[in-house]
Amino acid sequence: MLVQLALVLALQSDPALIAKARAIHNRVIKIDTHNDIDPRYFTADCNYTMRLTTQVNLPKMIEGGMDVSFMIVYVDQGPLTPEGYENAYKQAIAKFDAVHRLTEQIAPDKIGLALTPADVVRLHNKGLRVAVIGVENGYPIGTDIRRVKEFYDRGTRYMSLAHNGNSQLSDSNTGEANGYLYNNGLSPLGREVIAEMNRLGMMIDVSHPSKGSMMETLRLSKAPVIASHSSVRALANVSRNMDDEQLLALKKNGGVIQIVGFASYLKVAPPEYTAAIRQLRREFGGAAAGCPIESPQKSAEYDKRLAEIDAQWPGARASVKDLVNHIDYAVKLIGIDHVGISSDFDGGGGIKGWNSAAEAFNVTLELVRRGYTEDQIRKLWGGNLLRVWGEVEKSAKNFR
């Protein structure tokens, strides 16, 4: 045991290993498939060109070498009524408009919007950061199937059919505790949406829907699917994670699971610890009034408070090592071609060592420590996602 510990410590301080990891990190395209956004921070006076307290913004992406951010049009699940759908639609449009404003008006010289995998590579080669739009929760489409194409035309390149709470399209993972609407599956409208997404070339995201919904989606979909931000249930038994049956079904489908740096999906912690972290983020996070410019004093105070919480519950906080444990498990079970990486930053994500886009290198460093090759790291950091995206596009051509 002491020998193993000494080896770990040696690796951690090995300049050659750090240099190798840094070179790999700089060469591969790094894609984070799930970052939540707030339209308040996409205005002329307050935006992602500034170093905000948000976990993702352009200065932090540049510092961490992150290349691509899937910016998420997320609307919380509400009532299944005409009024509920219309309110959700308006919230979604505000987020679509925010991303377009950033990439077309505020910072077109710094970040571009990708609509295809080829766009990702082209924009990256131009030296720009890249935004892609994903929709978390199909609730805002209401009962109008035409809105799927509208969302596609607005830039959506993946969509999940539910979030936390059953939608009009699909049962949610929360149905394990709260009950299902559609016998742990899809509604008739949800099945139509699956077909329409296949027709358009929009990736289907199965991260939040129930297991039954996911398995039905795999039976219906003519193209590979993604889990944009999930982890492994065998290592953290929560309803948001995927069990071995789901992982093997995803492999058979040709899809990819993006292992997520969300602490409670990597390591089940005491509820009191989780509540304390949530409260800390409410106090210091991007939801603050005004434009939340990050300051050294505020960052130091946050770190101090976080250290106090960690001291109260030692070992409770998930780390980059826990993230890579989940990656290791998934790679061993379903293969390197079906696993990727995501953070859920600004939506609850963040772990020790990777708490913002600025710390992305730590993930690559741990992968190198574990013996992953450059080609494998390229696949994990986005190559597999781009492959699936391309196959979804190719499949859609069969409908035209």
Protein backbone atom coordinates (compact mmCIF):
# COMPACT_ATOMS: atom_id res chain seq x y z
CA MET A 1 0.00 0.00 0.00
CA LEU A 2 2.83 2.41 0.87
CA VAL A 3 4.58 1.53 -2.39
CA GLN A 4 1.40 2.29 -4.36
CA LEU A 5 0.98 5.60 -2.53
CA ALA A 6 4.59 6.55 -3.24
CA LEU A 7 4.05 5.77 -6.94
CA VAL A 8 0.95 7.95 -7.05
CA LEU A 9 2.76 10.83 -5.39
CA ALA A 10 5.67 10.47 -7.78
CA LEU A 11 3.36 10.57 -10.77
CA GLN A 12 1.58 13.61 -9.41
CA SER A 13 4.85 15.52 -9.26
CA ASP A 14 6.40 14.11 -12.46
CA PRO A 15 7.18 17.08 -14.74
CA ALA A 16 7.52 14.80 -17.77
CA LEU A 17 4.06 13.37 -17.27
CA ILE A 18 2.58 16.84 -16.80
CA ALA A 19 4.32 18.04 -19.97
CA LYS A 20 3.01 15.03 -21.91
CA ALA A 21 -0.52 15.68 -20.68
CA ARG A 22 -0.26 19.38 -21.52
CA ALA A 23 0.84 18.62 -25.07
CA ILE A 24 -2.06 16.20 -25.57
CA HIS A 25 -4.50 18.65 -24.03
CA ASN A 26 -3.37 21.32 -26.47
CA ARG A 27 -3.65 19.08 -29.52
CA VAL A 28 -7.08 17.47 -29.10
CA ILE A 29 -10.43 19.21 -29.58
CA LYS A 30 -12.14 19.33 -26.19
CA ILE A 31 -15.93 19.35 -26.16
CA ASP A 32 -18.12 19.79 -23.07
CA THR A 33 -21.61 18.60 -23.99
CA HIS A 34 -23.60 20.28 -21.23
CA ASN A 35 -23.28 23.85 -19.91
CA ASP A 36 -26.34 25.72 -18.66
CA ILE A 37 -26.77 29.41 -19.47
CA ASP A 38 -28.61 32.44 -18.12
CA PRO A 39 -29.76 35.06 -20.68
CA ARG A 40 -28.93 37.83 -18.20
CA TYR A 41 -25.27 37.18 -18.93
CA PHE A 42 -25.60 37.50 -22.70
CA THR A 43 -26.11 41.25 -22.95
CA ALA A 44 -23.93 44.09 -24.19
CA ASP A 45 -23.10 45.12 -20.61
CA CYS A 46 -22.73 41.68 -19.03
CA ASN A 47 -21.55 38.77 -21.10
CA TYR A 48 -19.22 35.81 -21.55
CA THR A 49 -16.31 37.94 -22.78
CA MET A 50 -15.95 38.87 -19.09
CA ARG A 51 -14.59 36.65 -16.34
CA LEU A 52 -17.88 36.13 -14.55
CA THR A 53 -18.47 33.87 -11.57
CA THR A 54 -20.15 31.46 -13.98
CA GLN A 55 -18.22 28.23 -14.35
CA VAL A 56 -18.12 28.69 -18.11
CA ASN A 57 -17.24 31.89 -19.97
CA LEU A 58 -14.68 32.77 -22.62
CA PRO A 59 -11.81 33.73 -20.27
CA LYS A 60 -12.21 30.46 -18.36
CA MET A 61 -12.53 28.40 -21.57
CA ILE A 62 -9.32 29.97 -22.86
CA GLU A 63 -7.49 29.43 -19.56
CA GLY A 64 -8.53 25.78 -19.42
CA GLY A 65 -8.03 25.14 -23.12
CA MET A 66 -11.70 24.21 -23.60
CA ASP A 67 -12.71 24.46 -27.24
CA VAL A 68 -16.44 23.70 -27.47
CA SER A 69 -19.36 24.40 -25.17
CA PHE A 70 -22.80 22.93 -25.75
CA MET A 71 -24.89 25.81 -24.40
CA ILE A 72 -28.17 24.50 -23.07
CA VAL A 73 -31.67 25.74 -23.68
CA TYR A 74 -33.15 24.40 -20.46
CA VAL A 75 -36.65 24.95 -19.10
CA ASP A 76 -37.79 23.40 -15.85
CA GLN A 77 -40.75 21.02 -16.05
CA GLY A 78 -44.07 22.75 -15.44
CA PRO A 79 -47.77 22.01 -15.86
CA LEU A 80 -48.92 20.12 -18.94
CA THR A 81 -51.31 22.87 -19.97
CA PRO A 82 -51.47 25.37 -22.86
CA GLU A 83 -50.35 28.12 -20.49
CA GLY A 84 -47.47 25.99 -19.20
CA TYR A 85 -46.29 25.17 -22.71
CA GLU A 86 -46.42 28.79 -23.84
CA ASN A 87 -44.47 30.01 -20.82
CA ALA A 88 -41.85 27.32 -21.39
CA TYR A 89 -41.61 28.24 -25.08
CA LYS A 90 -40.93 31.89 -24.23
CA GLN A 91 -38.18 30.88 -21.79
CA ALA A 92 -36.59 28.66 -24.42
CA ILE A 93 -36.62 31.38 -27.08
CA ALA A 94 -34.84 33.76 -24.68
CA LYS A 95 -32.00 31.24 -24.36
CA PHE A 96 -31.80 30.59 -28.11
CA ASP A 97 -31.59 34.34 -28.64
CA ALA A 98 -28.86 34.64 -25.99
CA VAL A 99 -26.53 32.21 -27.78
CA HIS A 100 -27.11 33.86 -31.14
CA ARG A 101 -26.49 37.28 -29.59
CA LEU A 102 -23.14 36.10 -28.18
CA THR A 103 -21.92 34.48 -31.40
CA GLU A 104 -23.32 37.03 -33.87
CA GLN A 105 -23.22 40.40 -32.09
CA ILE A 106 -21.22 40.39 -28.85
CA ALA A 107 -18.17 38.27 -29.69
CA PRO A 108 -18.22 36.88 -33.26
CA ASP A 109 -14.45 37.36 -33.35
CA LYS A 110 -14.05 35.07 -30.34
CA ILE A 111 -16.75 32.37 -30.60
CA GLY A 112 -18.84 30.92 -33.41
CA LEU A 113 -21.99 28.80 -33.54
CA ALA A 114 -21.54 25.32 -35.00
CA LEU A 115 -24.41 23.61 -36.80
CA THR A 116 -22.45 20.59 -38.04
CA PRO A 117 -19.42 18.56 -36.92
CA ALA A 118 -17.53 20.12 -39.82
CA ASP A 119 -18.35 23.57 -38.40
CA VAL A 120 -16.75 22.56 -35.09
CA VAL A 121 -13.49 21.67 -36.82
CA ARG A 122 -13.60 24.72 -39.12
CA LEU A 123 -14.20 27.20 -36.31
CA HIS A 124 -11.59 25.53 -34.12
CA ASN A 125 -9.04 25.75 -36.94
CA LYS A 126 -9.79 29.49 -37.20
CA GLY A 127 -8.78 29.89 -33.56
CA LEU A 128 -12.33 30.52 -32.30
CA ARG A 129 -14.13 28.96 -29.37
CA VAL A 130 -17.23 27.09 -30.43
CA ALA A 131 -20.82 27.12 -29.19
CA VAL A 132 -23.37 24.42 -29.98
CA ILE A 133 -26.99 24.48 -28.82
CA GLY A 134 -28.65 21.61 -26.97
CA VAL A 135 -32.19 21.53 -25.58
CA GLU A 136 -32.69 19.98 -22.16
CA ASN A 137 -36.34 18.97 -21.83
CA GLY A 138 -38.68 18.88 -24.82
CA TYR A 139 -41.40 20.49 -22.71
CA PRO A 140 -41.22 23.87 -24.58
CA ILE A 141 -42.36 22.32 -27.87
CA GLY A 142 -45.76 21.80 -26.25
CA THR A 143 -47.99 19.65 -28.42
CA ASP A 144 -46.92 21.20 -31.73
CA ILE A 145 -44.61 18.80 -33.57
CA ARG A 146 -43.62 21.65 -35.91
CA ARG A 147 -41.63 23.21 -33.09
CA VAL A 148 -39.07 20.42 -33.35
CA LYS A 149 -38.05 21.78 -36.77
CA GLU A 150 -38.29 25.34 -35.46
CA PHE A 151 -35.84 24.47 -32.70
CA TYR A 152 -33.58 22.73 -35.22
CA ASP A 153 -33.65 25.82 -37.42
CA ARG A 154 -32.73 27.93 -34.37
CA GLY A 155 -29.61 25.79 -33.96
CA THR A 156 -30.59 22.85 -31.74
CA ARG A 157 -28.41 19.83 -32.39
CA TYR A 158 -29.60 17.64 -29.54
CA MET A 159 -32.71 17.48 -27.38
CA SER A 160 -33.88 15.39 -24.44
CA LEU A 161 -37.58 14.60 -24.17
CA ALA A 162 -37.83 15.09 -20.40
CA HIS A 163 -36.00 16.57 -17.44
CA ASN A 164 -36.82 16.03 -13.76
CA GLY A 165 -40.55 15.38 -13.90
CA ASN A 166 -42.61 13.62 -16.56
CA SER A 167 -43.21 15.74 -19.66
CA GLN A 168 -45.87 15.47 -22.36
CA LEU A 169 -43.33 13.44 -24.37
CA SER A 170 -41.61 11.07 -21.98
CA ASP A 171 -41.37 9.68 -18.51
CA SER A 172 -38.53 11.04 -16.38
CA ASN A 173 -35.89 9.37 -14.26
CA THR A 174 -37.76 10.91 -11.30
CA GLY A 175 -40.57 8.45 -12.00
CA GLU A 176 -38.64 5.85 -10.02
CA ALA A 177 -39.71 7.74 -6.90
CA ASN A 178 -42.73 9.75 -8.07
CA GLY A 179 -44.44 7.47 -10.58
CA TYR A 180 -44.69 7.45 -14.37
CA LEU A 181 -47.25 8.80 -16.85
CA TYR A 182 -46.51 6.52 -19.82
CA ASN A 183 -45.78 3.12 -18.31
CA ASN A 184 -42.08 4.00 -17.98
CA GLY A 185 -41.74 4.99 -21.61
CA LEU A 186 -42.72 7.49 -24.28
CA SER A 187 -46.07 9.11 -25.01
CA PRO A 188 -47.56 8.79 -28.55
CA LEU A 189 -46.39 12.36 -29.22
CA GLY A 190 -42.96 11.48 -27.88
CA ARG A 191 -42.69 8.68 -30.45
CA GLU A 192 -43.53 11.18 -33.18
CA VAL A 193 -40.85 13.53 -31.86
CA ILE A 194 -38.26 10.72 -32.02
CA ALA A 195 -39.11 10.14 -35.68
CA GLU A 196 -38.98 13.87 -36.43
CA MET A 197 -35.59 14.26 -34.76
CA ASN A 198 -34.28 11.36 -36.83
CA ARG A 199 -35.66 12.99 -39.97
CA LEU A 200 -34.04 16.32 -39.22
CA GLY A 201 -30.69 14.98 -38.04
CA MET A 202 -31.05 16.12 -34.43
CA MET A 203 -29.32 13.98 -31.81
CA ILE A 204 -31.59 12.41 -29.19
CA ASP A 205 -30.38 12.90 -25.61
CA VAL A 206 -31.41 10.20 -23.12
CA SER A 207 -29.78 11.60 -19.97
CA HIS A 208 -32.88 12.68 -18.01
CA PRO A 209 -35.68 10.43 -19.30
CA SER A 210 -36.48 7.20 -17.47
CA LYS A 211 -34.78 3.91 -18.21
CA GLY A 212 -37.93 2.61 -19.89
CA SER A 213 -38.11 5.73 -22.06
CA MET A 214 -34.48 5.31 -23.05
CA MET A 215 -34.92 1.66 -23.97
CA GLU A 216 -38.00 2.47 -26.05
CA THR A 217 -36.11 5.30 -27.74
CA LEU A 218 -33.35 2.89 -28.71
CA ARG A 219 -35.90 0.54 -30.26
CA LEU A 220 -37.44 3.37 -32.29
CA SER A 221 -34.46 5.53 -33.28
CA LYS A 222 -32.93 5.06 -36.70
CA ALA A 223 -29.73 6.76 -35.55
CA PRO A 224 -27.33 6.59 -32.58
CA VAL A 225 -28.29 8.52 -29.45
CA ILE A 226 -26.31 10.33 -26.76
CA ALA A 227 -26.49 10.64 -23.00
CA SER A 228 -25.23 14.22 -22.77
CA HIS A 229 -24.50 14.21 -19.03
CA SER A 230 -24.85 10.96 -17.10
CA SER A 231 -22.62 8.61 -15.14
CA VAL A 232 -22.47 4.95 -14.09
CA ARG A 233 -25.11 3.51 -11.78
CA ALA A 234 -22.90 0.66 -10.61
CA LEU A 235 -20.63 3.25 -8.96
CA ALA A 236 -23.28 5.76 -7.81
CA ASN A 237 -26.78 4.35 -7.46
CA VAL A 238 -28.92 7.35 -8.42
CA SER A 239 -31.76 7.45 -10.93
CA ARG A 240 -29.90 9.85 -13.24
CA ASN A 241 -27.16 7.31 -13.90
CA MET A 242 -27.16 4.43 -16.38
CA ASP A 243 -27.03 0.80 -15.33
CA ASP A 244 -25.11 -1.89 -17.20
CA GLU A 245 -28.13 -2.94 -19.27
CA GLN A 246 -28.56 0.63 -20.48
CA LEU A 247 -24.86 1.03 -21.20
CA LEU A 248 -24.75 -2.16 -23.25
CA ALA A 249 -27.88 -1.11 -25.13
CA LEU A 250 -26.25 2.25 -25.85
CA LYS A 251 -23.21 0.46 -27.25
CA LYS A 252 -25.38 -1.70 -29.51
CA ASN A 253 -27.11 1.48 -30.74
CA GLY A 254 -23.72 3.02 -31.56
CA GLY A 255 -24.23 5.92 -29.17
CA VAL A 256 -22.11 7.62 -26.53
CA ILE A 257 -22.43 8.41 -22.82
CA GLN A 258 -20.82 11.67 -21.73
CA ILE A 259 -19.64 10.96 -18.18
CA VAL A 260 -20.54 14.02 -16.13
CA GLY A 261 -18.59 15.93 -13.51
CA PHE A 262 -21.63 16.27 -11.25
CA ALA A 263 -20.58 15.37 -7.73
CA SER A 264 -23.66 13.46 -6.55
CA TYR A 265 -23.73 11.38 -9.76
CA LEU A 266 -20.13 10.31 -9.19
CA LYS A 267 -20.15 9.70 -5.47
CA VAL A 268 -23.18 9.55 -3.20
CA ALA A 269 -22.55 12.03 -0.36
CA PRO A 270 -24.48 12.73 2.86
CA PRO A 271 -27.56 14.90 2.17
CA GLU A 272 -26.32 17.53 4.62
CA TYR A 273 -23.09 17.91 2.65
CA THR A 274 -24.96 18.23 -0.66
CA ALA A 275 -27.26 20.86 0.86
CA ALA A 276 -24.29 22.85 2.19
CA ILE A 277 -22.62 22.87 -1.24
CA ARG A 278 -25.87 23.91 -2.91
CA GLN A 279 -26.27 26.80 -0.47
CA LEU A 280 -22.66 27.90 -1.02
CA ARG A 281 -23.22 28.01 -4.77
CA ARG A 282 -26.40 30.00 -4.36
CA GLU A 283 -24.47 32.59 -2.41
CA PHE A 284 -21.47 32.83 -4.73
CA GLY A 285 -22.67 31.62 -8.11
CA GLY A 286 -23.85 33.21 -11.33
CA ALA A 287 -27.38 33.78 -10.03
CA ALA A 288 -26.24 36.82 -8.07
CA ALA A 289 -27.90 40.16 -8.70
CA GLY A 290 -26.23 42.40 -11.26
CA CYS A 291 -23.29 41.32 -13.40
CA PRO A 292 -21.32 38.76 -11.37
CA ILE A 293 -17.74 39.68 -12.19
CA GLU A 294 -15.32 37.33 -10.49
CA SER A 295 -12.94 38.95 -8.01
CA PRO A 296 -9.89 37.49 -6.24
CA GLN A 297 -11.42 38.38 -2.87
CA LYS A 298 -14.68 36.64 -3.67
CA SER A 299 -12.89 33.59 -5.03
CA ALA A 300 -10.73 33.37 -1.90
CA GLU A 301 -13.81 33.58 0.32
CA TYR A 302 -15.54 30.85 -1.71
CA ASP A 303 -12.48 28.58 -1.45
CA LYS A 304 -12.31 29.19 2.31
CA ARG A 305 -15.97 28.31 2.80
CA LEU A 306 -15.65 25.24 0.58
CA ALA A 307 -12.63 24.04 2.57
CA GLU A 308 -14.64 24.41 5.78
CA ILE A 309 -17.46 22.30 4.35
CA ASP A 310 -14.98 19.67 3.13
CA ALA A 311 -13.39 19.56 6.58
CA GLN A 312 -16.78 18.96 8.16
CA TRP A 313 -17.48 16.04 5.79
CA PRO A 314 -14.03 14.69 4.86
CA GLY A 315 -13.96 12.65 1.68
CA ALA A 316 -17.51 13.55 0.70
CA ARG A 317 -16.69 15.71 -2.30
CA ALA A 318 -16.25 13.91 -5.61
CA SER A 319 -13.02 14.60 -7.48
CA VAL A 320 -11.50 14.24 -10.92
CA LYS A 321 -10.33 10.79 -9.81
CA ASP A 322 -13.96 9.79 -9.20
CA LEU A 323 -14.90 11.13 -12.64
CA VAL A 324 -12.21 9.02 -14.30
CA ASN A 325 -13.26 5.99 -12.23
CA HIS A 326 -16.63 6.25 -13.99
CA ILE A 327 -14.91 6.70 -17.34
CA ASP A 328 -12.76 3.62 -16.63
CA TYR A 329 -15.82 1.54 -15.77
CA ALA A 330 -17.73 2.58 -18.89
CA VAL A 331 -14.73 2.07 -21.18
CA LYS A 332 -14.16 -1.42 -19.77
CA LEU A 333 -17.82 -2.37 -20.21
CA ILE A 334 -18.73 -0.82 -23.58
CA GLY A 335 -15.44 0.29 -25.14
CA ILE A 336 -13.56 3.52 -25.72
CA ASP A 337 -15.70 4.47 -28.75
CA HIS A 338 -18.84 4.98 -26.67
CA VAL A 339 -17.64 7.20 -23.81
CA GLY A 340 -17.13 10.97 -23.54
CA ILE A 341 -16.89 13.79 -21.00
CA SER A 342 -19.23 16.55 -19.80
CA SER A 343 -19.52 18.85 -16.81
CA ASP A 344 -23.07 20.20 -16.32
CA PHE A 345 -21.38 23.46 -15.34
CA ASP A 346 -23.71 26.25 -14.24
CA GLY A 347 -26.38 23.60 -13.77
CA GLY A 348 -25.07 21.91 -10.63
CA GLY A 349 -21.88 20.36 -11.98
CA GLY A 350 -18.43 20.84 -10.52
CA ILE A 351 -16.05 18.56 -8.67
CA LYS A 352 -12.73 18.82 -6.85
CA GLY A 353 -10.14 19.60 -9.51
CA TRP A 354 -12.68 20.48 -12.22
CA ASN A 355 -14.96 23.18 -10.89
CA SER A 356 -14.89 25.43 -13.96
CA ALA A 357 -13.77 25.38 -17.57
CA ALA A 358 -10.49 26.89 -16.37
CA GLU A 359 -9.54 23.57 -14.72
CA ALA A 360 -10.19 21.25 -17.68
CA PHE A 361 -6.53 20.27 -17.94
CA ASN A 362 -6.82 18.32 -14.69
CA VAL A 363 -9.14 15.85 -16.43
CA THR A 364 -6.63 15.24 -19.22
CA LEU A 365 -3.83 14.91 -16.68
CA GLU A 366 -5.70 12.20 -14.77
CA LEU A 367 -6.47 10.35 -18.01
CA VAL A 368 -2.76 10.37 -18.89
CA ARG A 369 -1.93 9.13 -15.38
CA ARG A 370 -4.29 6.21 -15.97
CA GLY A 371 -2.51 5.28 -19.18
CA TYR A 372 -4.95 6.55 -21.80
CA THR A 373 -3.28 7.27 -25.13
CA GLU A 374 -3.62 10.49 -27.10
CA ASP A 375 -5.98 8.85 -29.57
CA GLN A 376 -8.17 7.56 -26.72
CA ILE A 377 -8.19 10.97 -25.04
CA ARG A 378 -9.16 12.60 -28.33
CA LYS A 379 -12.15 10.25 -28.53
CA LEU A 380 -13.17 10.89 -24.93
CA TRP A 381 -12.87 14.68 -25.16
CA GLY A 382 -15.13 14.92 -28.21
CA GLY A 383 -14.16 12.59 -31.02
CA ASN A 384 -16.85 10.08 -30.14
CA LEU A 385 -19.49 12.81 -29.87
CA LEU A 386 -18.52 14.20 -33.28
CA ARG A 387 -18.70 10.68 -34.73
CA VAL A 388 -22.24 10.17 -33.41
CA TRP A 389 -23.31 13.63 -34.57
CA GLY A 390 -22.01 12.85 -38.05
CA GLU A 391 -23.83 9.51 -38.13
CA VAL A 392 -27.07 11.21 -37.08
CA GLU A 393 -26.64 13.70 -39.94
CA LYS A 394 -25.90 10.90 -42.40
CA SER A 395 -28.91 8.90 -41.25
CA ALA A 396 -31.18 11.92 -41.79
CA LYS A 397 -30.26 11.97 -45.50
CA ASN A 398 -32.20 8.72 -45.89
CA PHE A 399 -35.38 10.66 -45.11
CA ARG A 400 -34.84 13.20 -47.91
